Amino acid sequence: MGTYLLVFKSDNKDQIIKHIKSFKNWAKIKEDVWCINTSLNSKSIRDNFTSLLKEGQDLFFVINVKIQQKERK
């Protein structure tokens, strides 16, 4: 499982948010910034949203958020 930050700008915001909420684990950061936790990779997530985006008009970024823990001594 990985945590991904989704950042988008689109006139189709309602459908994109509805699709984000279809993932089991999600969190709203700001209106157009969300996090999801999924076993999909960045490319698969992007491809999963492509049908909701207008080519050349909408923006959609997927960023893998890796959390590193310090080793205990």
Protein backbone atom coordinates (compact mmCIF):
# COMPACT_ATOMS: atom_id res chain seq x y z
CA MET A 1 0.00 0.00 0.00
CA GLY A 2 1.15 3.52 -0.73
CA THR A 3 -0.05 7.00 0.07
CA TYR A 4 -0.49 9.39 -2.84
CA LEU A 5 -1.13 13.11 -3.00
CA LEU A 6 -3.56 14.10 -5.77
CA VAL A 7 -3.58 17.70 -6.97
CA PHE A 8 -5.95 18.75 -9.74
CA LYS A 9 -7.55 21.66 -11.54
CA SER A 10 -10.64 20.81 -13.56
CA ASP A 11 -14.16 21.94 -14.38
CA ASN A 12 -15.14 18.32 -13.71
CA LYS A 13 -14.25 18.63 -10.01
CA ASP A 14 -17.40 16.93 -8.69
CA GLN A 15 -16.80 13.74 -10.70
CA ILE A 16 -13.11 13.66 -9.76
CA ILE A 17 -13.97 14.02 -6.06
CA LYS A 18 -16.62 11.32 -6.36
CA HIS A 19 -14.01 9.02 -7.89
CA ILE A 20 -11.48 9.85 -5.15
CA LYS A 21 -14.09 8.96 -2.53
CA SER A 22 -14.56 5.56 -4.19
CA PHE A 23 -11.16 4.58 -2.74
CA LYS A 24 -11.39 2.98 0.69
CA ASN A 25 -8.92 5.38 2.35
CA TRP A 26 -8.93 9.05 1.37
CA ALA A 27 -8.49 12.45 3.00
CA LYS A 28 -9.29 15.97 1.83
CA ILE A 29 -6.39 18.39 2.34
CA LYS A 30 -7.80 21.37 0.41
CA GLU A 31 -10.51 21.75 -2.20
CA ASP A 32 -8.30 20.45 -5.04
CA VAL A 33 -5.73 18.53 -2.96
CA TRP A 34 -6.48 15.04 -1.64
CA CYS A 35 -4.63 11.96 -0.35
CA ILE A 36 -5.49 8.36 -1.04
CA ASN A 37 -4.02 5.12 0.22
CA THR A 38 -4.00 2.35 -2.36
CA SER A 39 -2.05 -0.59 -3.75
CA LEU A 40 -2.06 1.07 -7.20
CA ASN A 41 1.07 2.83 -8.45
CA SER A 42 1.22 6.46 -9.65
CA LYS A 43 0.76 5.58 -13.33
CA SER A 44 -2.24 3.36 -12.61
CA ILE A 45 -3.86 6.08 -10.50
CA ARG A 46 -3.33 8.66 -13.27
CA ASP A 47 -4.73 6.25 -15.88
CA ASN A 48 -7.69 5.58 -13.59
CA PHE A 49 -8.67 9.28 -13.71
CA THR A 50 -7.88 9.97 -17.39
CA SER A 51 -11.46 9.53 -18.58
CA LEU A 52 -12.57 12.34 -16.24
CA LEU A 53 -10.03 14.87 -17.56
CA LYS A 54 -10.12 17.13 -20.60
CA GLU A 55 -6.87 16.81 -22.54
CA GLY A 56 -4.96 20.05 -22.85
CA GLN A 57 -7.27 21.81 -20.37
CA ASP A 58 -7.24 19.99 -17.01
CA LEU A 59 -4.29 19.45 -14.68
CA PHE A 60 -3.84 16.31 -12.59
CA PHE A 61 -0.76 15.41 -10.54
CA VAL A 62 -0.10 12.22 -8.60
CA ILE A 63 2.73 12.25 -6.08
CA ASN A 64 3.86 9.23 -4.08
CA VAL A 65 4.24 10.29 -0.44
CA LYS A 66 6.84 8.09 1.18
CA ILE A 67 7.11 8.26 4.95
CA GLN A 68 10.51 7.44 6.33
CA GLN A 69 10.95 6.50 9.93
CA LYS A 70 14.18 7.04 11.85
CA GLU A 71 15.86 3.96 13.20
CA ARG A 72 15.76 3.64 16.95
CA LYS A 73 19.10 3.24 18.65
